[in-house]
Amino acid sequence: MKILVATEKPFAAAAVNGIKDIAQKAGHEVVLLEKYTDKAQLLEAVADVDAMIVRSDKVTAEVVAAAPQLKIVVRAGAGFDNLDLPACTEKGIVAMNTPGQNSNAVAELALAMMIFMSRNQFTPGTGMELKGKKVGIQAYGNVGRLVAEKAKALGMEVMAFDPFVPAEKMVAEGVTPAETLEQMYEQCNFISLHIPAIPATIGSINYDLVSRMPKGGCLVNTARKEVINEPELVKVLSDRPDLKYVTDVAAAIQAELNEKFPKQVFATPKKMGAETAEANINAGLAAAQQICDYFATGCTKFQLNK
């Protein structure tokens, strides 16, 4: 089978070599499309491939239509909003992600952001410590659990809200389950977002929720910008100058936020949650292995469009 690695932003060399090694040992061919600058290049490259590995590259209905032999596409990473799942399903293409492979990198960044904002963005002035503070984790999945683990190691209290995770599991891991989302926002000094951008969550982080946070509260977003109701974020930051917002996914109105709230808001120059050598390699190798397992045994463990 022919596997295309299509990466506008390429994998590290070690990841590419590892992907090739895994695929070739299984009898498959790997072709690369790196640093492409035009969608036409991607459309041409998918014309005769059986599988694809992408990072944040968009696999749209147009891309799917241009790939008549495509059987499986794997997003090397946890988020998968760059994959058009209905289009894949319509064409009988299995779509997967690689959950957990970059979780540690994102979790470490979330904690680093909390420290950064607690120390006044590393500018002169009296800050505060994380020890003894309470962090609320919205979505207790792979990343959320690691944030909880690291936060506890720093002496923080941890609360989490996730309707899909049994309360007993959280309690067993030393985490207090929140009965409601509102309760968590009211009780926590920090809220760490780990929710996907789906219809139920887009714009859901709004004035009502954020304004419930205690004095000096900080909202940390390493998830997706779409989950933030941006006009209401502006309003709550205006009404509550004690609140802070730090994000790894710049808002559509980031320039406005930076101008109006320089001491309350910080955004990384680009999304860097998974930007570590380890995460880069892990996600790429996992994607290659999942494709090989699918072709060898039909394994669809991480299929998204079931």
C-alpha atoms as a PDB file:
ATOM      1  CA  MET A   1       0.000   0.000   0.000  1.00  0.00           C
ATOM      2  CA  LYS A   2       1.078   3.577  -0.630  1.00  0.00           C
ATOM      3  CA  ILE A   3       1.096   5.862   2.414  1.00  0.00           C
ATOM      4  CA  LEU A   4       1.243   9.627   1.975  1.00  0.00           C
ATOM      5  CA  VAL A   5       2.659  11.769   4.775  1.00  0.00           C
ATOM      6  CA  ALA A   6       1.165  15.178   3.978  1.00  0.00           C
ATOM      7  CA  THR A   7       2.490  17.824   6.353  1.00  0.00           C
ATOM      8  CA  GLU A   8       2.413  21.532   5.666  1.00  0.00           C
ATOM      9  CA  LYS A   9       4.491  21.724   8.824  1.00  0.00           C
ATOM     10  CA  PRO A  10       6.769  18.661   8.612  1.00  0.00           C
ATOM     11  CA  PHE A  11       7.489  16.094  11.277  1.00  0.00           C
ATOM     12  CA  ALA A  12      10.953  16.021  12.796  1.00  0.00           C
ATOM     13  CA  ALA A  13      13.427  13.951  10.803  1.00  0.00           C
ATOM     14  CA  ALA A  14      13.428  11.254  13.486  1.00  0.00           C
ATOM     15  CA  ALA A  15       9.657  10.904  13.156  1.00  0.00           C
ATOM     16  CA  VAL A  16       9.800  10.691   9.359  1.00  0.00           C
ATOM     17  CA  ASN A  17      12.506   8.041   9.525  1.00  0.00           C
ATOM     18  CA  GLY A  18      10.506   6.109  12.087  1.00  0.00           C
ATOM     19  CA  ILE A  19       7.348   6.265   9.989  1.00  0.00           C
ATOM     20  CA  LYS A  20       9.246   4.965   6.971  1.00  0.00           C
ATOM     21  CA  ASP A  21      10.813   2.173   9.016  1.00  0.00           C
ATOM     22  CA  ILE A  22       7.469   0.996  10.434  1.00  0.00           C
ATOM     23  CA  ALA A  23       5.741   1.138   7.044  1.00  0.00           C
ATOM     24  CA  GLN A  24       8.522  -0.486   5.051  1.00  0.00           C
ATOM     25  CA  LYS A  25       8.855  -3.357   7.511  1.00  0.00           C
ATOM     26  CA  ALA A  26       5.149  -4.008   6.937  1.00  0.00           C
ATOM     27  CA  GLY A  27       5.661  -3.946   3.172  1.00  0.00           C
ATOM     28  CA  HIS A  28       4.255  -0.508   2.453  1.00  0.00           C
ATOM     29  CA  GLU A  29       5.618   2.468   0.522  1.00  0.00           C
ATOM     30  CA  VAL A  30       5.879   5.943   2.045  1.00  0.00           C
ATOM     31  CA  VAL A  31       5.774   9.157   0.025  1.00  0.00           C
ATOM     32  CA  LEU A  32       6.215  12.639   1.445  1.00  0.00           C
ATOM     33  CA  LEU A  33       4.528  15.958   0.741  1.00  0.00           C
ATOM     34  CA  GLU A  34       6.171  18.461   3.068  1.00  0.00           C
ATOM     35  CA  LYS A  35       5.953  22.241   3.327  1.00  0.00           C
ATOM     36  CA  TYR A  36       3.423  22.447   0.536  1.00  0.00           C
ATOM     37  CA  THR A  37       2.045  25.912  -0.128  1.00  0.00           C
ATOM     38  CA  ASP A  38      -0.966  25.258  -2.328  1.00  0.00           C
ATOM     39  CA  LYS A  39      -3.990  23.018  -1.916  1.00  0.00           C
ATOM     40  CA  ALA A  40      -3.513  21.882  -5.520  1.00  0.00           C
ATOM     41  CA  GLN A  41      -0.300  20.139  -4.463  1.00  0.00           C
ATOM     42  CA  LEU A  42      -2.209  18.112  -1.874  1.00  0.00           C
ATOM     43  CA  LEU A  43      -4.986  17.253  -4.329  1.00  0.00           C
ATOM     44  CA  GLU A  44      -2.410  15.971  -6.786  1.00  0.00           C
ATOM     45  CA  ALA A  45      -0.524  13.976  -4.141  1.00  0.00           C
ATOM     46  CA  VAL A  46      -3.588  12.061  -2.892  1.00  0.00           C
ATOM     47  CA  ALA A  47      -4.601  10.832  -6.348  1.00  0.00           C
ATOM     48  CA  ASP A  48      -3.022   7.373  -6.006  1.00  0.00           C
ATOM     49  CA  VAL A  49      -2.495   6.763  -2.283  1.00  0.00           C
ATOM     50  CA  ASP A  50      -4.124   4.163  -0.043  1.00  0.00           C
ATOM     51  CA  ALA A  51      -3.458   5.895   3.275  1.00  0.00           C
ATOM     52  CA  MET A  52      -2.617   9.326   4.645  1.00  0.00           C
ATOM     53  CA  ILE A  53      -0.920  10.705   7.719  1.00  0.00           C
ATOM     54  CA  VAL A  54      -1.524  14.394   8.457  1.00  0.00           C
ATOM     55  CA  ARG A  55      -0.880  16.809  11.308  1.00  0.00           C
ATOM     56  CA  SER A  56      -3.056  19.941  11.248  1.00  0.00           C
ATOM     57  CA  ASP A  57      -3.539  19.634   7.493  1.00  0.00           C
ATOM     58  CA  LYS A  58      -7.169  19.822   6.405  1.00  0.00           C
ATOM     59  CA  VAL A  59      -8.643  16.670   4.892  1.00  0.00           C
ATOM     60  CA  THR A  60     -11.742  18.196   3.329  1.00  0.00           C
ATOM     61  CA  ALA A  61     -14.454  16.727   1.137  1.00  0.00           C
ATOM     62  CA  GLU A  62     -12.482  18.047  -1.851  1.00  0.00           C
ATOM     63  CA  VAL A  63      -9.368  16.172  -0.729  1.00  0.00           C
ATOM     64  CA  VAL A  64     -11.377  12.995  -0.146  1.00  0.00           C
ATOM     65  CA  ALA A  65     -12.969  13.268  -3.598  1.00  0.00           C
ATOM     66  CA  ALA A  66      -9.506  13.580  -5.168  1.00  0.00           C
ATOM     67  CA  ALA A  67      -8.335  10.348  -3.514  1.00  0.00           C
ATOM     68  CA  PRO A  68     -10.252   7.447  -5.096  1.00  0.00           C
ATOM     69  CA  GLN A  69      -7.978   4.768  -3.570  1.00  0.00           C
ATOM     70  CA  LEU A  70      -7.849   6.234  -0.061  1.00  0.00           C
ATOM     71  CA  LYS A  71      -8.843   3.736   2.623  1.00  0.00           C
ATOM     72  CA  ILE A  72      -7.584   5.296   5.844  1.00  0.00           C
ATOM     73  CA  VAL A  73      -6.446   8.709   7.091  1.00  0.00           C
ATOM     74  CA  VAL A  74      -4.803   9.258  10.463  1.00  0.00           C
ATOM     75  CA  ARG A  75      -4.427  12.599  12.176  1.00  0.00           C
ATOM     76  CA  ALA A  76      -1.180  12.487  14.148  1.00  0.00           C
ATOM     77  CA  GLY A  77      -2.513  14.118  17.289  1.00  0.00           C
ATOM     78  CA  ALA A  78      -5.602  14.153  19.467  1.00  0.00           C
ATOM     79  CA  GLY A  79      -7.708  16.921  17.900  1.00  0.00           C
ATOM     80  CA  PHE A  80      -9.434  15.949  14.683  1.00  0.00           C
ATOM     81  CA  ASP A  81     -11.507  18.952  13.623  1.00  0.00           C
ATOM     82  CA  ASN A  82      -9.302  19.178  10.520  1.00  0.00           C
ATOM     83  CA  LEU A  83     -10.803  15.907   9.246  1.00  0.00           C
ATOM     84  CA  ASP A  84     -14.121  15.991   7.402  1.00  0.00           C
ATOM     85  CA  LEU A  85     -15.588  12.896   9.048  1.00  0.00           C
ATOM     86  CA  PRO A  86     -18.896  12.839   7.097  1.00  0.00           C
ATOM     87  CA  ALA A  87     -16.970  13.015   3.804  1.00  0.00           C
ATOM     88  CA  CYS A  88     -14.703  10.174   4.915  1.00  0.00           C
ATOM     89  CA  THR A  89     -17.681   8.087   6.008  1.00  0.00           C
ATOM     90  CA  GLU A  90     -19.499   8.671   2.732  1.00  0.00           C
ATOM     91  CA  LYS A  91     -16.480   7.354   0.811  1.00  0.00           C
ATOM     92  CA  GLY A  92     -15.906   4.424   3.187  1.00  0.00           C
ATOM     93  CA  ILE A  93     -12.629   5.868   4.490  1.00  0.00           C
ATOM     94  CA  VAL A  94     -11.593   5.060   8.054  1.00  0.00           C
ATOM     95  CA  ALA A  95     -10.558   8.213   9.943  1.00  0.00           C
ATOM     96  CA  MET A  96      -8.431   7.971  13.091  1.00  0.00           C
ATOM     97  CA  ASN A  97      -6.479  10.127  15.502  1.00  0.00           C
ATOM     98  CA  THR A  98      -3.657   9.184  17.870  1.00  0.00           C
ATOM     99  CA  PRO A  99      -5.006   9.985  21.342  1.00  0.00           C
ATOM    100  CA  GLY A 100      -2.554  10.296  24.179  1.00  0.00           C
ATOM    101  CA  GLN A 101       0.601  10.696  22.124  1.00  0.00           C
ATOM    102  CA  ASN A 102       1.015  14.428  22.771  1.00  0.00           C
ATOM    103  CA  SER A 103      -0.908  14.571  26.053  1.00  0.00           C
ATOM    104  CA  ASN A 104       2.103  15.060  28.301  1.00  0.00           C
ATOM    105  CA  ALA A 105       3.391  17.968  26.225  1.00  0.00           C
ATOM    106  CA  VAL A 106       0.017  19.733  26.418  1.00  0.00           C
ATOM    107  CA  ALA A 107      -0.350  19.049  30.132  1.00  0.00           C
ATOM    108  CA  GLU A 108       3.095  20.468  30.872  1.00  0.00           C
ATOM    109  CA  LEU A 109       2.251  23.586  28.871  1.00  0.00           C
ATOM    110  CA  ALA A 110      -1.028  24.073  30.768  1.00  0.00           C
ATOM    111  CA  LEU A 111       0.832  24.061  34.087  1.00  0.00           C
ATOM    112  CA  ALA A 112       3.554  26.325  32.698  1.00  0.00           C
ATOM    113  CA  MET A 113       0.882  28.814  31.660  1.00  0.00           C
ATOM    114  CA  MET A 114      -0.588  28.809  35.151  1.00  0.00           C
ATOM    115  CA  ILE A 115       2.831  29.599  36.615  1.00  0.00           C
ATOM    116  CA  PHE A 116       3.475  32.263  33.964  1.00  0.00           C
ATOM    117  CA  MET A 117       0.242  34.106  34.718  1.00  0.00           C
ATOM    118  CA  SER A 118       0.632  33.642  38.494  1.00  0.00           C
ATOM    119  CA  ARG A 119       4.020  35.372  38.257  1.00  0.00           C
ATOM    120  CA  ASN A 120       2.621  38.360  36.343  1.00  0.00           C
ATOM    121  CA  GLN A 121       3.895  37.130  32.972  1.00  0.00           C
ATOM    122  CA  PHE A 122       7.411  37.218  34.451  1.00  0.00           C
ATOM    123  CA  THR A 123       7.340  40.979  34.934  1.00  0.00           C
ATOM    124  CA  PRO A 124       8.289  42.722  38.212  1.00  0.00           C
ATOM    125  CA  GLY A 125       5.714  42.549  40.975  1.00  0.00           C
ATOM    126  CA  THR A 126       4.424  40.208  43.639  1.00  0.00           C
ATOM    127  CA  GLY A 127       2.895  37.063  42.223  1.00  0.00           C
ATOM    128  CA  MET A 128       1.430  33.981  43.855  1.00  0.00           C
ATOM    129  CA  GLU A 129       2.243  30.294  44.134  1.00  0.00           C
ATOM    130  CA  LEU A 130       0.186  27.419  42.763  1.00  0.00           C
ATOM    131  CA  LYS A 131       0.553  25.422  45.976  1.00  0.00           C
ATOM    132  CA  GLY A 132      -2.708  25.411  47.897  1.00  0.00           C
ATOM    133  CA  LYS A 133      -4.734  26.738  44.960  1.00  0.00           C
ATOM    134  CA  LYS A 134      -7.536  24.815  43.288  1.00  0.00           C
ATOM    135  CA  VAL A 135      -7.585  23.917  39.595  1.00  0.00           C
ATOM    136  CA  GLY A 136     -10.699  22.790  37.751  1.00  0.00           C
ATOM    137  CA  ILE A 137     -10.225  20.514  34.776  1.00  0.00           C
ATOM    138  CA  GLN A 138     -12.923  20.679  32.129  1.00  0.00           C
ATOM    139  CA  ALA A 139     -12.830  17.274  30.384  1.00  0.00           C
ATOM    140  CA  TYR A 140     -10.977  14.549  32.240  1.00  0.00           C
ATOM    141  CA  GLY A 141      -9.413  12.718  29.309  1.00  0.00           C
ATOM    142  CA  ASN A 142      -5.797  11.910  28.501  1.00  0.00           C
ATOM    143  CA  VAL A 143      -4.580  15.490  28.926  1.00  0.00           C
ATOM    144  CA  GLY A 144      -6.874  16.321  31.820  1.00  0.00           C
ATOM    145  CA  ARG A 145      -5.652  13.374  33.868  1.00  0.00           C
ATOM    146  CA  LEU A 146      -2.026  14.385  33.331  1.00  0.00           C
ATOM    147  CA  VAL A 147      -2.781  17.982  34.323  1.00  0.00           C
ATOM    148  CA  ALA A 148      -4.375  16.628  37.498  1.00  0.00           C
ATOM    149  CA  GLU A 149      -1.364  14.449  38.253  1.00  0.00           C
ATOM    150  CA  LYS A 150       1.119  17.296  37.794  1.00  0.00           C
ATOM    151  CA  ALA A 151      -1.054  19.816  39.643  1.00  0.00           C
ATOM    152  CA  LYS A 152      -1.269  17.515  42.671  1.00  0.00           C
ATOM    153  CA  ALA A 153       2.522  17.178  42.614  1.00  0.00           C
ATOM    154  CA  LEU A 154       2.685  20.977  42.943  1.00  0.00           C
ATOM    155  CA  GLY A 155       0.414  20.871  45.973  1.00  0.00           C
ATOM    156  CA  MET A 156      -2.765  21.997  44.218  1.00  0.00           C
ATOM    157  CA  GLU A 157      -6.282  20.771  44.905  1.00  0.00           C
ATOM    158  CA  VAL A 158      -7.899  19.302  41.803  1.00  0.00           C
ATOM    159  CA  MET A 159     -11.530  19.285  40.739  1.00  0.00           C
ATOM    160  CA  ALA A 160     -12.808  17.967  37.404  1.00  0.00           C
ATOM    161  CA  PHE A 161     -16.008  18.008  35.394  1.00  0.00           C
ATOM    162  CA  ASP A 162     -16.627  15.351  32.767  1.00  0.00           C
ATOM    163  CA  PRO A 163     -20.062  13.734  32.377  1.00  0.00           C
ATOM    164  CA  PHE A 164     -18.460  10.807  30.551  1.00  0.00           C
ATOM    165  CA  VAL A 165     -16.076   9.815  33.344  1.00  0.00           C
ATOM    166  CA  PRO A 166     -17.440   8.047  36.465  1.00  0.00           C
ATOM    167  CA  ALA A 167     -17.085  10.063  39.651  1.00  0.00           C
ATOM    168  CA  GLU A 168     -15.639   6.977  41.343  1.00  0.00           C
ATOM    169  CA  LYS A 169     -12.716   6.980  38.917  1.00  0.00           C
ATOM    170  CA  MET A 170     -11.912  10.612  39.682  1.00  0.00           C
ATOM    171  CA  VAL A 171     -12.124  10.041  43.432  1.00  0.00           C
ATOM    172  CA  ALA A 172      -9.819   7.021  43.156  1.00  0.00           C
ATOM    173  CA  GLU A 173      -7.259   9.275  41.462  1.00  0.00           C
ATOM    174  CA  GLY A 174      -7.441  11.965  44.131  1.00  0.00           C
ATOM    175  CA  VAL A 175      -9.672  14.310  42.133  1.00  0.00           C
ATOM    176  CA  THR A 176     -12.908  15.868  43.375  1.00  0.00           C
ATOM    177  CA  PRO A 177     -15.716  15.420  40.827  1.00  0.00           C
ATOM    178  CA  ALA A 178     -17.740  18.583  40.256  1.00  0.00           C
ATOM    179  CA  GLU A 179     -21.485  18.094  40.351  1.00  0.00           C
ATOM    180  CA  THR A 180     -21.984  20.873  37.818  1.00  0.00           C
ATOM    181  CA  LEU A 181     -19.782  22.963  35.562  1.00  0.00           C
ATOM    182  CA  GLU A 182     -20.983  26.078  37.344  1.00  0.00           C
ATOM    183  CA  GLN A 183     -19.869  24.679  40.698  1.00  0.00           C
ATOM    184  CA  MET A 184     -16.371  24.057  39.355  1.00  0.00           C
ATOM    185  CA  TYR A 185     -16.002  27.578  37.990  1.00  0.00           C
ATOM    186  CA  GLU A 186     -17.212  29.050  41.284  1.00  0.00           C
ATOM    187  CA  GLN A 187     -14.713  27.100  43.381  1.00  0.00           C
ATOM    188  CA  CYS A 188     -11.520  27.033  41.317  1.00  0.00           C
ATOM    189  CA  ASN A 189      -8.697  29.563  41.039  1.00  0.00           C
ATOM    190  CA  PHE A 190      -7.727  28.075  37.680  1.00  0.00           C
ATOM    191  CA  ILE A 191      -9.836  26.421  35.006  1.00  0.00           C
ATOM    192  CA  SER A 192      -7.973  24.298  32.450  1.00  0.00           C
ATOM    193  CA  LEU A 193      -9.892  23.592  29.235  1.00  0.00           C
ATOM    194  CA  HIS A 194      -9.490  20.274  27.437  1.00  0.00           C
ATOM    195  CA  ILE A 195     -12.763  20.041  25.526  1.00  0.00           C
ATOM    196  CA  PRO A 196     -13.021  19.467  21.750  1.00  0.00           C
ATOM    197  CA  ALA A 197     -14.620  21.957  19.387  1.00  0.00           C
ATOM    198  CA  ILE A 198     -17.932  20.267  18.624  1.00  0.00           C
ATOM    199  CA  PRO A 199     -21.425  21.772  18.230  1.00  0.00           C
ATOM    200  CA  ALA A 200     -22.168  21.296  21.934  1.00  0.00           C
ATOM    201  CA  THR A 201     -18.997  23.127  23.066  1.00  0.00           C
ATOM    202  CA  ILE A 202     -18.431  25.853  20.461  1.00  0.00           C
ATOM    203  CA  GLY A 203     -18.905  29.206  22.185  1.00  0.00           C
ATOM    204  CA  SER A 204     -19.834  27.484  25.436  1.00  0.00           C
ATOM    205  CA  ILE A 205     -17.177  29.192  27.580  1.00  0.00           C
ATOM    206  CA  ASN A 206     -19.178  32.343  28.101  1.00  0.00           C
ATOM    207  CA  TYR A 207     -19.764  35.284  30.411  1.00  0.00           C
ATOM    208  CA  ASP A 208     -21.944  33.353  32.817  1.00  0.00           C
ATOM    209  CA  LEU A 209     -19.312  30.677  33.418  1.00  0.00           C
ATOM    210  CA  VAL A 210     -16.150  32.775  33.548  1.00  0.00           C
ATOM    211  CA  SER A 211     -17.709  35.491  35.719  1.00  0.00           C
ATOM    212  CA  ARG A 212     -18.333  32.868  38.398  1.00  0.00           C
ATOM    213  CA  MET A 213     -14.611  32.431  39.027  1.00  0.00           C
ATOM    214  CA  PRO A 214     -13.164  33.646  42.344  1.00  0.00           C
ATOM    215  CA  LYS A 215     -11.197  36.879  42.552  1.00  0.00           C
ATOM    216  CA  GLY A 216      -7.905  36.548  40.673  1.00  0.00           C
ATOM    217  CA  GLY A 217      -9.120  33.523  38.711  1.00  0.00           C
ATOM    218  CA  CYS A 218      -7.339  32.403  35.554  1.00  0.00           C
ATOM    219  CA  LEU A 219      -8.795  30.577  32.555  1.00  0.00           C
ATOM    220  CA  VAL A 220      -6.274  28.386  30.693  1.00  0.00           C
ATOM    221  CA  ASN A 221      -7.051  27.270  27.149  1.00  0.00           C
ATOM    222  CA  THR A 222      -4.898  24.623  25.467  1.00  0.00           C
ATOM    223  CA  ALA A 223      -7.927  23.223  23.635  1.00  0.00           C
ATOM    224  CA  ARG A 224      -9.517  25.131  20.742  1.00  0.00           C
ATOM    225  CA  LYS A 225     -10.274  28.822  20.251  1.00  0.00           C
ATOM    226  CA  GLU A 226     -13.778  27.999  18.994  1.00  0.00           C
ATOM    227  CA  VAL A 227     -14.946  26.934  22.460  1.00  0.00           C
ATOM    228  CA  ILE A 228     -14.559  30.520  23.714  1.00  0.00           C
ATOM    229  CA  ASN A 229     -17.403  32.994  23.260  1.00  0.00           C
ATOM    230  CA  GLU A 230     -15.046  35.821  22.353  1.00  0.00           C
ATOM    231  CA  PRO A 231     -17.425  38.825  22.624  1.00  0.00           C
ATOM    232  CA  GLU A 232     -18.476  37.624  26.078  1.00  0.00           C
ATOM    233  CA  LEU A 233     -14.829  37.083  27.041  1.00  0.00           C
ATOM    234  CA  VAL A 234     -14.195  40.762  26.290  1.00  0.00           C
ATOM    235  CA  LYS A 235     -17.150  41.718  28.471  1.00  0.00           C
ATOM    236  CA  VAL A 236     -16.115  39.577  31.437  1.00  0.00           C
ATOM    237  CA  LEU A 237     -12.501  40.787  31.320  1.00  0.00           C
ATOM    238  CA  SER A 238     -13.798  44.378  31.248  1.00  0.00           C
ATOM    239  CA  ASP A 239     -16.180  43.811  34.155  1.00  0.00           C
ATOM    240  CA  ARG A 240     -13.673  41.739  36.143  1.00  0.00           C
ATOM    241  CA  PRO A 241     -10.169  43.245  35.798  1.00  0.00           C
ATOM    242  CA  ASP A 242      -8.967  40.711  38.372  1.00  0.00           C
ATOM    243  CA  LEU A 243      -9.539  37.776  35.978  1.00  0.00           C
ATOM    244  CA  LYS A 244      -6.936  36.440  33.548  1.00  0.00           C
ATOM    245  CA  TYR A 245      -7.015  34.464  30.320  1.00  0.00           C
ATOM    246  CA  VAL A 246      -4.039  32.574  28.881  1.00  0.00           C
ATOM    247  CA  THR A 247      -4.286  30.587  25.675  1.00  0.00           C
ATOM    248  CA  ASP A 248      -2.312  28.417  23.325  1.00  0.00           C
ATOM    249  CA  VAL A 249      -4.816  29.121  20.551  1.00  0.00           C
ATOM    250  CA  ALA A 250      -4.984  32.792  19.674  1.00  0.00           C
ATOM    251  CA  ALA A 251      -8.470  34.234  19.464  1.00  0.00           C
ATOM    252  CA  ALA A 252      -9.863  35.676  16.261  1.00  0.00           C
ATOM    253  CA  ILE A 253      -9.849  38.981  18.166  1.00  0.00           C
ATOM    254  CA  GLN A 254      -6.466  38.442  19.826  1.00  0.00           C
ATOM    255  CA  ALA A 255      -5.129  41.846  18.773  1.00  0.00           C
ATOM    256  CA  GLU A 256      -8.083  43.512  20.483  1.00  0.00           C
ATOM    257  CA  LEU A 257      -7.602  41.421  23.623  1.00  0.00           C
ATOM    258  CA  ASN A 258      -3.891  42.231  23.758  1.00  0.00           C
ATOM    259  CA  GLU A 259      -4.556  45.953  23.393  1.00  0.00           C
ATOM    260  CA  LYS A 260      -7.376  46.158  25.932  1.00  0.00           C
ATOM    261  CA  PHE A 261      -6.104  43.699  28.520  1.00  0.00           C
ATOM    262  CA  PRO A 262      -2.295  43.480  28.331  1.00  0.00           C
ATOM    263  CA  LYS A 263      -1.941  42.448  31.979  1.00  0.00           C
ATOM    264  CA  GLN A 264      -4.874  40.046  31.926  1.00  0.00           C
ATOM    265  CA  VAL A 265      -4.339  38.172  28.656  1.00  0.00           C
ATOM    266  CA  PHE A 266      -1.537  36.256  27.009  1.00  0.00           C
ATOM    267  CA  ALA A 267      -1.522  34.091  23.864  1.00  0.00           C
ATOM    268  CA  THR A 268       1.374  32.057  22.517  1.00  0.00           C
ATOM    269  CA  PRO A 269       2.573  33.262  19.089  1.00  0.00           C
ATOM    270  CA  LYS A 270       1.385  29.968  17.588  1.00  0.00           C
ATOM    271  CA  LYS A 271      -0.205  26.780  18.861  1.00  0.00           C
ATOM    272  CA  MET A 272       2.559  24.916  20.634  1.00  0.00           C
ATOM    273  CA  GLY A 273       0.857  22.432  22.949  1.00  0.00           C
ATOM    274  CA  ALA A 274       2.294  19.479  21.064  1.00  0.00           C
ATOM    275  CA  GLU A 275       5.462  21.257  19.953  1.00  0.00           C
ATOM    276  CA  THR A 276       7.987  19.008  21.647  1.00  0.00           C
ATOM    277  CA  ALA A 277      10.368  16.582  20.002  1.00  0.00           C
ATOM    278  CA  GLU A 278       8.870  13.738  21.996  1.00  0.00           C
ATOM    279  CA  ALA A 279       5.248  14.462  21.059  1.00  0.00           C
ATOM    280  CA  ASN A 280       6.174  15.012  17.417  1.00  0.00           C
ATOM    281  CA  ILE A 281       7.843  11.617  17.186  1.00  0.00           C
ATOM    282  CA  ASN A 282       5.290   9.720  19.274  1.00  0.00           C
ATOM    283  CA  ALA A 283       2.299  10.909  17.257  1.00  0.00           C
ATOM    284  CA  GLY A 284       3.946  10.182  13.904  1.00  0.00           C
ATOM    285  CA  LEU A 285       5.029   6.672  14.857  1.00  0.00           C
ATOM    286  CA  ALA A 286       1.619   5.898  16.345  1.00  0.00           C
ATOM    287  CA  ALA A 287      -0.086   7.016  13.132  1.00  0.00           C
ATOM    288  CA  ALA A 288       2.149   4.761  11.028  1.00  0.00           C
ATOM    289  CA  GLN A 289       1.575   1.790  13.327  1.00  0.00           C
ATOM    290  CA  GLN A 290      -2.199   2.269  13.280  1.00  0.00           C
ATOM    291  CA  ILE A 291      -2.215   2.281   9.482  1.00  0.00           C
ATOM    292  CA  CYS A 292      -0.116  -0.876   9.340  1.00  0.00           C
ATOM    293  CA  ASP A 293      -2.331  -2.586  11.911  1.00  0.00           C
ATOM    294  CA  TYR A 294      -5.412  -1.635   9.913  1.00  0.00           C
ATOM    295  CA  PHE A 295      -4.047  -3.107   6.709  1.00  0.00           C
ATOM    296  CA  ALA A 296      -2.750  -6.220   8.489  1.00  0.00           C
ATOM    297  CA  THR A 297      -5.675  -7.080  10.754  1.00  0.00           C
ATOM    298  CA  GLY A 298      -8.457  -4.577  10.117  1.00  0.00           C
ATOM    299  CA  CYS A 299      -7.866  -2.983  13.539  1.00  0.00           C
ATOM    300  CA  THR A 300     -10.017   0.140  13.952  1.00  0.00           C
ATOM    301  CA  LYS A 301      -9.391   0.828  17.649  1.00  0.00           C
ATOM    302  CA  PHE A 302      -9.008   4.568  17.200  1.00  0.00           C
ATOM    303  CA  GLN A 303     -11.597   5.059  14.443  1.00  0.00           C
ATOM    304  CA  LEU A 304     -13.492   8.333  14.763  1.00  0.00           C
ATOM    305  CA  ASN A 305     -16.238   7.861  12.186  1.00  0.00           C
ATOM    306  CA  LYS A 306     -17.845   4.635  13.404  1.00  0.00           C
END
